[in-house]
């Protein structure tokens, strides 16, 4: 495949009225009729140290992990940062099918599976996408081999690969690394959490999503105790958000479970749901959508702790 011109991701110019209010605490006494979606950034919130590695995790499918990964990457690339996304989900409709890797002609094609089986370095498995500032480590169905062949040291593969790369090149090659995990809590996901500075949790506004948080919380706790004591939950993205009493209840529960995390509602958008089919970030496909604006705000807060207008 010959290298195609890379698209520069645009800045957004959403009207001030479309921006979410940022608060340090929710007012539970606000009547339902007056209630509006707000981004919660508690006083205890601390952004991850540079160069940041974020694990995007949730064991439940359909929570918006891949969309969250793509939109955060697009937002940071639009700010001029160099972003690498790692596809740690073996499903065919995951990240690699959205941000198409541009493979060089005549060269072997590597993937994240290749890294787990010591066939190449992480950098050798990294390819440009069609978007300026975003590179990708792709995956495919063969990544599932890691789960049943269980190569030695698999839990630490990603952390070791990132450390070895930084040591070889005198520091991290990317400003931000985002790792999109599978909707499971298997060996690859444990490796993702072991490599992460912070976990970012997309959470659908539904009862099953709320129940699934308990299993994820247990896994994060175990990884903290055994593999990665620095790991914490940096932010929870409430995806496909609609105004409802349950959405309010869920947001309150999440803020209790993760009192140091930012809570970012992502308002429901039909146009945003079409973006994967067009193989474009929502920021490019539907820049006027509320989802694009909400992810842009969330990206600024997650990275710096501040809402950049």
Protein backbone atom coordinates (compact mmCIF):
# COMPACT_ATOMS: atom_id res chain seq x y z
CA UNK A 1 0.00 0.00 0.00
CA UNK A 2 1.48 3.36 -1.00
CA UNK A 3 1.44 6.05 1.64
CA UNK A 4 -1.55 8.37 1.27
CA UNK A 5 -1.66 12.03 2.31
CA UNK A 6 -2.57 12.40 5.97
CA UNK A 7 -5.59 14.48 6.97
CA UNK A 8 -5.05 17.29 9.46
CA UNK A 9 -7.71 17.02 12.15
CA UNK A 10 -9.58 20.29 12.66
CA UNK A 11 -10.10 22.32 15.78
CA UNK A 12 -13.74 22.60 16.84
CA UNK A 13 -15.64 25.86 17.06
CA UNK A 14 -18.75 24.87 19.00
CA UNK A 15 -20.89 27.74 20.31
CA UNK A 16 -20.47 28.49 24.04
CA UNK A 17 -24.02 27.30 24.67
CA UNK A 18 -23.05 23.80 23.51
CA UNK A 19 -20.26 23.44 26.07
CA UNK A 20 -20.82 21.52 29.27
CA UNK A 21 -20.44 23.28 32.60
CA UNK A 22 -17.48 22.05 34.63
CA UNK A 23 -18.04 21.71 38.39
CA UNK A 24 -16.06 20.35 41.34
CA UNK A 25 -19.17 18.89 43.01
CA UNK A 26 -22.71 18.11 41.95
CA UNK A 27 -25.64 19.86 43.57
CA UNK A 28 -27.98 17.03 44.53
CA UNK A 29 -30.67 19.53 45.50
CA UNK A 30 -31.14 20.82 41.93
CA UNK A 31 -34.70 19.99 40.77
CA UNK A 32 -34.92 17.52 37.93
CA UNK A 33 -36.44 20.12 35.59
CA UNK A 34 -33.40 22.39 36.05
CA UNK A 35 -30.80 19.63 35.91
CA UNK A 36 -28.21 19.79 33.11
CA UNK A 37 -25.29 17.55 32.18
CA UNK A 38 -22.09 18.71 33.86
CA UNK A 39 -18.49 17.53 33.84
CA UNK A 40 -17.34 16.66 37.35
CA UNK A 41 -13.68 17.44 38.07
CA UNK A 42 -13.18 16.83 41.80
CA UNK A 43 -10.57 18.77 43.71
CA UNK A 44 -8.63 15.51 44.14
CA UNK A 45 -8.32 14.89 40.37
CA UNK A 46 -4.73 14.62 39.15
CA UNK A 47 -3.75 14.20 35.48
CA UNK A 48 -1.29 11.42 34.66
CA UNK A 49 2.35 12.40 34.40
CA UNK A 50 3.85 12.85 30.90
CA UNK A 51 4.34 10.94 28.74
CA UNK A 52 0.96 9.47 29.46
CA UNK A 53 -0.30 5.92 28.83
CA UNK A 54 -4.06 5.50 29.11
CA UNK A 55 -5.85 2.14 29.27
CA UNK A 56 -9.39 2.42 27.88
CA UNK A 57 -11.26 -0.42 29.59
CA UNK A 58 -14.68 -1.86 30.29
CA UNK A 59 -15.57 -5.54 30.28
CA UNK A 60 -18.97 -4.87 28.73
CA UNK A 61 -19.28 -4.53 24.97
CA UNK A 62 -21.07 -1.56 23.45
CA UNK A 63 -19.93 0.86 26.13
CA UNK A 64 -18.07 3.09 23.67
CA UNK A 65 -14.44 2.10 24.27
CA UNK A 66 -13.33 2.37 20.66
CA UNK A 67 -15.23 5.61 20.03
CA UNK A 68 -13.70 7.08 23.17
CA UNK A 69 -10.21 6.01 22.07
CA UNK A 70 -10.64 7.49 18.59
CA UNK A 71 -12.13 10.78 19.78
CA UNK A 72 -9.56 11.40 22.50
CA UNK A 73 -6.77 10.60 20.03
CA UNK A 74 -8.30 12.96 17.46
CA UNK A 75 -8.73 15.74 20.02
CA UNK A 76 -5.11 15.51 21.17
CA UNK A 77 -3.76 15.21 17.63
CA UNK A 78 -5.72 18.35 16.71
CA UNK A 79 -3.81 20.10 19.51
CA UNK A 80 -0.53 19.16 17.83
CA UNK A 81 0.34 16.22 20.09
CA UNK A 82 1.78 12.98 18.74
CA UNK A 83 -0.57 10.14 19.67
CA UNK A 84 -0.21 6.37 19.38
CA UNK A 85 -3.26 4.16 19.70
CA UNK A 86 -2.84 0.46 20.41
CA UNK A 87 -5.60 -1.93 19.39
CA UNK A 88 -5.81 -4.57 22.13
CA UNK A 89 -9.20 -5.87 20.97
CA UNK A 90 -9.24 -8.84 18.60
CA UNK A 91 -12.73 -8.11 17.27
CA UNK A 92 -12.98 -7.33 13.55
CA UNK A 93 -15.04 -4.16 14.07
CA UNK A 94 -12.60 -2.62 16.50
CA UNK A 95 -10.01 0.15 16.28
CA UNK A 96 -7.98 -1.19 13.34
CA UNK A 97 -11.08 -1.22 11.13
CA UNK A 98 -11.79 2.43 11.98
CA UNK A 99 -8.31 3.99 11.90
CA UNK A 100 -6.93 2.04 8.99
CA UNK A 101 -3.18 1.36 9.36
CA UNK A 102 -1.12 2.34 6.32
CA UNK A 103 1.25 -0.59 5.72
CA UNK A 104 4.39 0.00 3.64
CA UNK A 105 4.61 -1.93 0.40
CA UNK A 106 6.70 -5.08 0.38
CA UNK A 107 7.37 -5.13 4.14
CA UNK A 108 6.13 -7.67 6.69
CA UNK A 109 2.92 -6.67 8.46
CA UNK A 110 3.18 -6.80 12.22
CA UNK A 111 0.49 -6.43 14.86
CA UNK A 112 0.09 -6.42 18.62
CA UNK A 113 0.11 -10.23 18.54
CA UNK A 114 3.61 -10.02 17.05
CA UNK A 115 4.74 -8.01 20.07
CA UNK A 116 3.30 -10.50 22.55
CA UNK A 117 5.17 -13.35 20.83
CA UNK A 118 8.47 -11.42 20.60
CA UNK A 119 8.42 -11.30 16.81
CA UNK A 120 9.05 -7.56 16.66
CA UNK A 121 9.32 -4.44 18.79
CA UNK A 122 6.39 -2.18 19.58
CA UNK A 123 7.76 0.46 17.21
CA UNK A 124 8.07 -2.07 14.39
CA UNK A 125 4.38 -2.86 14.86
CA UNK A 126 3.42 0.85 14.74
CA UNK A 127 2.03 2.29 11.50
CA UNK A 128 0.70 5.67 10.38
CA UNK A 129 -3.03 6.21 10.00
CA UNK A 130 -4.70 8.54 7.53
CA UNK A 131 -4.75 11.26 10.21
CA UNK A 132 -1.86 13.56 11.02
CA UNK A 133 -0.51 12.95 14.49
CA UNK A 134 -2.11 9.52 15.03
CA UNK A 135 -0.22 6.22 14.60
CA UNK A 136 -1.59 2.77 15.38
CA UNK A 137 -0.49 -0.66 16.54
CA UNK A 138 -3.11 -2.82 14.79
CA UNK A 139 -4.67 -6.10 15.83
CA UNK A 140 -6.76 -8.83 14.32
CA UNK A 141 -8.47 -12.06 15.22
CA UNK A 142 -5.12 -13.75 15.86
CA UNK A 143 -4.60 -11.65 19.01
CA UNK A 144 -6.86 -14.16 20.79
CA UNK A 145 -3.93 -16.62 20.63
CA UNK A 146 -2.43 -14.76 23.58
CA UNK A 147 -5.33 -15.88 25.76
CA UNK A 148 -4.92 -19.62 25.18
CA UNK A 149 -1.19 -19.91 24.38
CA UNK A 150 -0.29 -17.59 27.29
CA UNK A 151 3.27 -16.58 26.32
CA UNK A 152 5.64 -16.19 29.27
CA UNK A 153 5.45 -12.75 30.85
CA UNK A 154 2.37 -11.73 28.85
CA UNK A 155 0.97 -9.67 31.73
CA UNK A 156 3.98 -7.37 31.52
CA UNK A 157 4.48 -7.42 27.73
CA UNK A 158 3.07 -3.96 27.00
CA UNK A 159 4.69 -2.29 29.99
CA UNK A 160 8.06 -3.83 29.11
CA UNK A 161 7.71 -2.94 25.42
CA UNK A 162 6.96 0.71 26.23
CA UNK A 163 9.85 0.88 28.71
CA UNK A 164 12.32 -0.74 26.29
CA UNK A 165 11.30 1.65 23.51
CA UNK A 166 11.73 4.71 25.74
CA UNK A 167 15.13 3.48 26.93
CA UNK A 168 16.34 2.81 23.38
CA UNK A 169 15.27 6.22 22.07
CA UNK A 170 16.14 8.34 25.09
CA UNK A 171 12.52 8.91 26.11
CA UNK A 172 8.95 8.22 24.96
CA UNK A 173 8.32 8.67 21.24
CA UNK A 174 4.71 9.78 21.74
CA UNK A 175 3.09 12.44 23.88
CA UNK A 176 0.13 10.16 24.59
CA UNK A 177 -0.51 6.43 24.19
CA UNK A 178 -4.10 5.14 24.23
CA UNK A 179 -4.74 1.41 24.50
CA UNK A 180 -8.20 0.21 23.45
CA UNK A 181 -8.97 -3.04 25.30
CA UNK A 182 -11.34 -5.89 24.53
CA UNK A 183 -14.74 -6.23 26.26
CA UNK A 184 -13.32 -8.85 28.60
CA UNK A 185 -10.99 -9.09 31.56
CA UNK A 186 -8.57 -11.62 30.07
CA UNK A 187 -4.78 -11.77 29.91
CA UNK A 188 -4.44 -9.06 27.23
CA UNK A 189 -6.60 -6.64 29.23
CA UNK A 190 -4.51 -7.32 32.34
CA UNK A 191 -1.43 -6.47 30.26
CA UNK A 192 -3.13 -3.25 29.16
CA UNK A 193 -3.88 -2.26 32.76
CA UNK A 194 -0.35 -3.18 33.84
CA UNK A 195 1.04 -0.77 31.22
CA UNK A 196 -1.32 2.11 31.95
CA UNK A 197 -0.70 5.23 34.01
CA UNK A 198 -4.44 5.69 34.27
CA UNK A 199 -7.58 3.78 33.30
CA UNK A 200 -10.26 5.59 31.31
CA UNK A 201 -13.64 3.90 31.61
CA UNK A 202 -16.40 4.45 29.01
CA UNK A 203 -19.68 3.52 30.67
CA UNK A 204 -23.05 3.24 28.97
CA UNK A 205 -26.00 4.66 30.85
CA UNK A 206 -27.71 1.35 31.60
CA UNK A 207 -28.27 -1.12 34.41
CA UNK A 208 -26.02 -3.85 32.97
CA UNK A 209 -23.21 -1.33 32.54
CA UNK A 210 -23.55 -0.36 36.18
CA UNK A 211 -23.32 -4.00 37.29
CA UNK A 212 -20.26 -4.61 35.12
CA UNK A 213 -18.37 -1.85 36.94
CA UNK A 214 -18.07 -4.10 40.01
CA UNK A 215 -16.04 -6.73 38.12
CA UNK A 216 -13.87 -4.07 36.51
CA UNK A 217 -13.25 -2.47 39.90
CA UNK A 218 -12.07 -5.83 41.31
CA UNK A 219 -9.69 -6.36 38.37
CA UNK A 220 -8.22 -2.86 38.68
CA UNK A 221 -7.69 -3.44 42.41
CA UNK A 222 -5.87 -6.74 41.80
CA UNK A 223 -3.66 -5.18 39.10
CA UNK A 224 -2.85 -2.30 41.46
CA UNK A 225 -1.84 -4.73 44.20
CA UNK A 226 0.17 -7.18 42.08
CA UNK A 227 1.41 -5.46 38.91
CA UNK A 228 0.92 -1.71 38.73
CA UNK A 229 0.55 0.26 41.99
CA UNK A 230 0.50 3.60 40.14
CA UNK A 231 -2.68 2.73 38.21
CA UNK A 232 -5.82 4.67 39.04
CA UNK A 233 -9.07 5.57 37.29
CA UNK A 234 -8.51 8.95 35.68
CA UNK A 235 -11.93 9.49 34.12
CA UNK A 236 -15.28 7.86 33.45
CA UNK A 237 -17.09 8.77 30.23
CA UNK A 238 -20.87 8.34 30.44
CA UNK A 239 -21.54 7.49 26.79
CA UNK A 240 -24.80 7.97 24.87
CA UNK A 241 -25.98 10.18 27.74
CA UNK A 242 -29.62 11.27 27.88
CA UNK A 243 -31.30 13.26 30.61
CA UNK A 244 -32.93 10.79 32.99
CA UNK A 245 -33.17 10.00 36.66
CA UNK A 246 -31.11 6.86 36.11
CA UNK A 247 -28.33 8.83 34.39
CA UNK A 248 -28.18 11.07 37.43
CA UNK A 249 -28.16 8.09 39.79
CA UNK A 250 -25.41 6.36 37.79
CA UNK A 251 -23.23 9.47 37.75
CA UNK A 252 -23.55 9.83 41.51
CA UNK A 253 -22.65 6.15 42.05
CA UNK A 254 -19.58 6.41 39.81
CA UNK A 255 -18.37 9.52 41.61
CA UNK A 256 -18.67 7.65 44.94
CA UNK A 257 -16.74 4.64 43.62
CA UNK A 258 -14.01 6.77 42.01
CA UNK A 259 -13.87 10.01 44.00
CA UNK A 260 -10.65 11.17 42.30
CA UNK A 261 -11.87 10.61 38.73
CA UNK A 262 -13.34 13.14 36.34
CA UNK A 263 -16.87 12.22 35.21
CA UNK A 264 -17.64 13.30 31.64
CA UNK A 265 -21.12 12.91 30.08
CA UNK A 266 -21.08 12.32 26.33
CA UNK A 267 -24.47 13.34 24.99
CA UNK A 268 -26.20 10.92 22.62
CA UNK A 269 -25.65 11.74 18.94
CA UNK A 270 -26.98 9.84 15.93
CA UNK A 271 -24.34 11.43 13.72
CA UNK A 272 -21.59 10.22 16.04
CA UNK A 273 -22.88 6.65 15.72
CA UNK A 274 -22.41 6.87 11.93
CA UNK A 275 -18.73 7.88 12.10
CA UNK A 276 -17.23 4.34 12.27
CA UNK A 277 -19.03 3.41 9.04
CA UNK A 278 -17.43 6.42 7.35
CA UNK A 279 -14.05 5.40 8.87
CA UNK A 280 -13.61 8.91 10.24
CA UNK A 281 -13.36 10.36 13.75
CA UNK A 282 -16.57 12.05 14.89
CA UNK A 283 -14.58 15.31 15.06
CA UNK A 284 -14.14 15.11 11.28
CA UNK A 285 -17.39 13.40 10.27
CA UNK A 286 -19.77 15.43 12.42
CA UNK A 287 -17.84 18.35 13.97
CA UNK A 288 -21.10 20.07 14.88
CA UNK A 289 -22.31 17.15 17.02
CA UNK A 290 -22.55 17.34 20.80
CA UNK A 291 -20.46 14.17 21.06
CA UNK A 292 -17.52 15.81 19.27
CA UNK A 293 -17.74 18.83 21.59
CA UNK A 294 -18.07 16.70 24.73
CA UNK A 295 -15.07 14.52 23.87
CA UNK A 296 -13.04 17.64 23.09
CA UNK A 297 -13.80 19.05 26.53
CA UNK A 298 -13.10 15.72 28.18
CA UNK A 299 -9.77 15.38 26.35
CA UNK A 300 -8.56 18.75 27.66
CA UNK A 301 -9.56 17.91 31.22
CA UNK A 302 -8.10 14.38 31.25
CA UNK A 303 -4.74 15.57 29.95
CA UNK A 304 -4.31 18.81 31.91
CA UNK A 305 -7.03 18.99 34.54
CA UNK A 306 -8.30 22.15 32.88
CA UNK A 307 -11.09 22.86 30.39
CA UNK A 308 -9.50 24.59 27.40
CA UNK A 309 -12.09 26.72 25.61
